[in-house]
Amino acid sequence: MQNIAHPDMIYRNLGRSGLKISAVGFGNWLTNNNPETEAETLKIMQYAFDNGVNFFDTAEVYGAGVCETVWGNIFKKVNWPRKDYVLSTKIYWNGGSGPNDRGLCRKHIFESIKASLKRLQHEYVDVVFCHRFDTETPV
């Protein structure tokens, strides 16, 4: 079942963007590269989607990128229409030790998004959140 306009789900605007997201979203922080975990995550994500959840949120740092990789595999398997879900990720940390491997400098933002898209096996994400404030990069 791929009923994104589930009658029991409430959809709200994300800020002033006009983007409508489900009042309940799905996020996955604790993920490892275990096939059993991936299979269980797939079941839970499908259940959420079938019940009107259209907002899926992850981050580059979750499992050192493994969460995004697992989700990429799952999105490929479920083959939901891309227009029917909102995918977000968060950036700040990525685990590297270089001077631009963390924070919100322009270079790190571009590199992080590029790496996230590769792991997620997507052409774009709908929302990129700053995972935390960066005292070294002016807003």
Protein backbone atom coordinates (compact mmCIF):
# COMPACT_ATOMS: atom_id res chain seq x y z
CA MET A 1 0.00 0.00 0.00
CA GLN A 2 1.36 3.43 -0.92
CA ASN A 3 -1.30 5.77 0.40
CA ILE A 4 0.60 8.92 1.31
CA ALA A 5 -2.61 10.85 2.02
CA HIS A 6 -3.50 8.56 4.91
CA PRO A 7 -6.78 9.70 6.49
CA ASP A 8 -5.44 9.44 10.06
CA MET A 9 -2.22 11.38 9.49
CA ILE A 10 -1.91 15.12 10.05
CA TYR A 11 0.33 17.02 7.63
CA ARG A 12 1.90 20.34 8.52
CA ASN A 13 3.92 22.97 6.72
CA LEU A 14 7.64 22.86 7.37
CA GLY A 15 8.23 26.46 8.39
CA ARG A 16 7.39 28.85 5.59
CA SER A 17 8.69 26.53 2.86
CA GLY A 18 5.27 25.27 1.77
CA LEU A 19 6.57 21.71 2.12
CA LYS A 20 4.03 19.44 3.82
CA ILE A 21 5.39 16.83 6.19
CA SER A 22 3.63 14.30 8.38
CA ALA A 23 3.19 15.27 12.03
CA VAL A 24 5.06 12.06 12.84
CA GLY A 25 8.36 11.47 11.10
CA PHE A 26 10.71 8.52 10.97
CA GLY A 27 14.31 8.88 12.07
CA ASN A 28 16.93 6.24 12.63
CA TRP A 29 19.95 6.96 14.75
CA LEU A 30 21.01 3.48 15.84
CA THR A 31 21.79 1.50 12.72
CA ASN A 32 24.54 -0.96 12.04
CA ASN A 33 25.54 -2.90 8.97
CA ASN A 34 23.74 -6.07 10.01
CA PRO A 35 21.42 -7.64 7.38
CA GLU A 36 18.88 -8.48 10.09
CA THR A 37 18.81 -4.85 11.23
CA GLU A 38 18.35 -3.68 7.63
CA ALA A 39 15.46 -6.11 7.12
CA GLU A 40 13.80 -4.96 10.35
CA THR A 41 14.34 -1.30 9.45
CA LEU A 42 12.74 -1.93 6.05
CA LYS A 43 9.64 -3.39 7.73
CA ILE A 44 9.35 -0.44 10.11
CA MET A 45 9.86 2.14 7.35
CA GLN A 46 7.25 0.43 5.16
CA TYR A 47 4.80 0.36 8.06
CA ALA A 48 5.39 4.06 8.71
CA PHE A 49 4.95 4.92 5.03
CA ASP A 50 1.79 2.80 4.75
CA ASN A 51 0.36 4.74 7.69
CA GLY A 52 0.96 8.17 6.20
CA VAL A 53 4.46 9.03 7.38
CA ASN A 54 6.11 10.98 4.58
CA PHE A 55 9.01 12.54 6.50
CA PHE A 56 12.23 10.52 6.82
CA ASP A 57 15.15 12.12 8.66
CA THR A 58 18.73 10.91 9.04
CA ALA A 59 22.19 12.44 9.47
CA GLU A 60 25.68 11.98 8.09
CA VAL A 61 26.99 11.14 11.56
CA TYR A 62 24.51 8.35 12.40
CA GLY A 63 26.54 5.15 12.43
CA ALA A 64 29.36 7.08 10.73
CA GLY A 65 27.26 7.16 7.54
CA VAL A 66 26.03 3.58 7.78
CA CYS A 67 22.46 4.68 8.51
CA GLU A 68 22.35 6.59 5.22
CA THR A 69 23.80 3.58 3.40
CA VAL A 70 21.19 1.24 4.91
CA TRP A 71 18.44 3.69 4.04
CA GLY A 72 19.75 3.97 0.48
CA ASN A 73 19.46 0.20 0.12
CA ILE A 74 15.96 0.26 1.60
CA PHE A 75 14.71 3.11 -0.60
CA LYS A 76 15.97 1.18 -3.62
CA LYS A 77 14.10 -1.96 -2.52
CA VAL A 78 10.77 -0.31 -1.68
CA ASN A 79 10.80 1.83 -4.82
CA TRP A 80 8.35 4.39 -3.48
CA PRO A 81 7.56 7.26 -5.85
CA ARG A 82 10.10 9.96 -4.97
CA LYS A 83 7.38 12.61 -4.96
CA ASP A 84 5.61 10.83 -2.09
CA TYR A 85 8.20 11.26 0.65
CA VAL A 86 10.35 14.01 2.12
CA LEU A 87 13.94 13.06 2.87
CA SER A 88 16.17 15.11 5.12
CA THR A 89 19.65 14.77 6.47
CA LYS A 90 21.73 16.74 8.92
CA ILE A 91 25.30 17.94 8.61
CA TYR A 92 28.05 19.13 10.89
CA TRP A 93 30.19 16.08 11.76
CA ASN A 94 31.40 13.50 9.30
CA GLY A 95 34.17 11.79 11.19
CA GLY A 96 37.10 13.04 9.15
CA SER A 97 40.17 14.57 10.74
CA GLY A 98 40.88 17.31 8.20
CA PRO A 99 40.39 21.00 8.93
CA ASN A 100 37.21 21.15 6.81
CA ASP A 101 35.75 17.77 7.83
CA ARG A 102 33.32 19.22 10.33
CA GLY A 103 31.32 22.34 10.83
CA LEU A 104 29.24 24.44 8.48
CA CYS A 105 31.79 25.98 6.16
CA ARG A 106 30.70 26.03 2.51
CA LYS A 107 33.17 23.31 1.52
CA HIS A 108 32.02 20.93 4.25
CA ILE A 109 28.36 21.52 3.38
CA PHE A 110 28.97 20.62 -0.28
CA GLU A 111 31.18 17.63 0.50
CA SER A 112 28.75 16.32 3.13
CA ILE A 113 25.71 16.61 0.89
CA LYS A 114 27.56 14.93 -1.98
CA ALA A 115 28.59 12.03 0.29
CA SER A 116 25.08 11.74 1.77
CA LEU A 117 23.49 11.59 -1.67
CA LYS A 118 25.85 8.79 -2.66
CA ARG A 119 25.10 6.78 0.48
CA LEU A 120 21.35 7.43 0.19
CA GLN A 121 21.39 6.57 -3.55
CA HIS A 122 19.33 9.68 -4.27
CA GLU A 123 19.71 12.61 -6.66
CA TYR A 124 18.57 15.09 -4.02
CA VAL A 125 17.37 15.47 -0.45
CA ASP A 126 14.48 17.77 0.31
CA VAL A 127 15.87 19.36 3.47
CA VAL A 128 19.35 19.74 4.90
CA PHE A 129 19.49 20.68 8.57
CA CYS A 130 22.46 22.07 10.44
CA HIS A 131 22.97 19.47 13.14
CA ARG A 132 24.35 22.09 15.49
CA PHE A 133 25.54 25.69 15.59
CA ASP A 134 29.05 26.34 14.27
CA THR A 135 30.84 29.06 16.22
CA GLU A 136 33.47 29.36 13.47
CA THR A 137 31.04 30.02 10.60
CA PRO A 138 28.90 33.18 10.67
CA VAL A 139 25.22 32.72 9.94
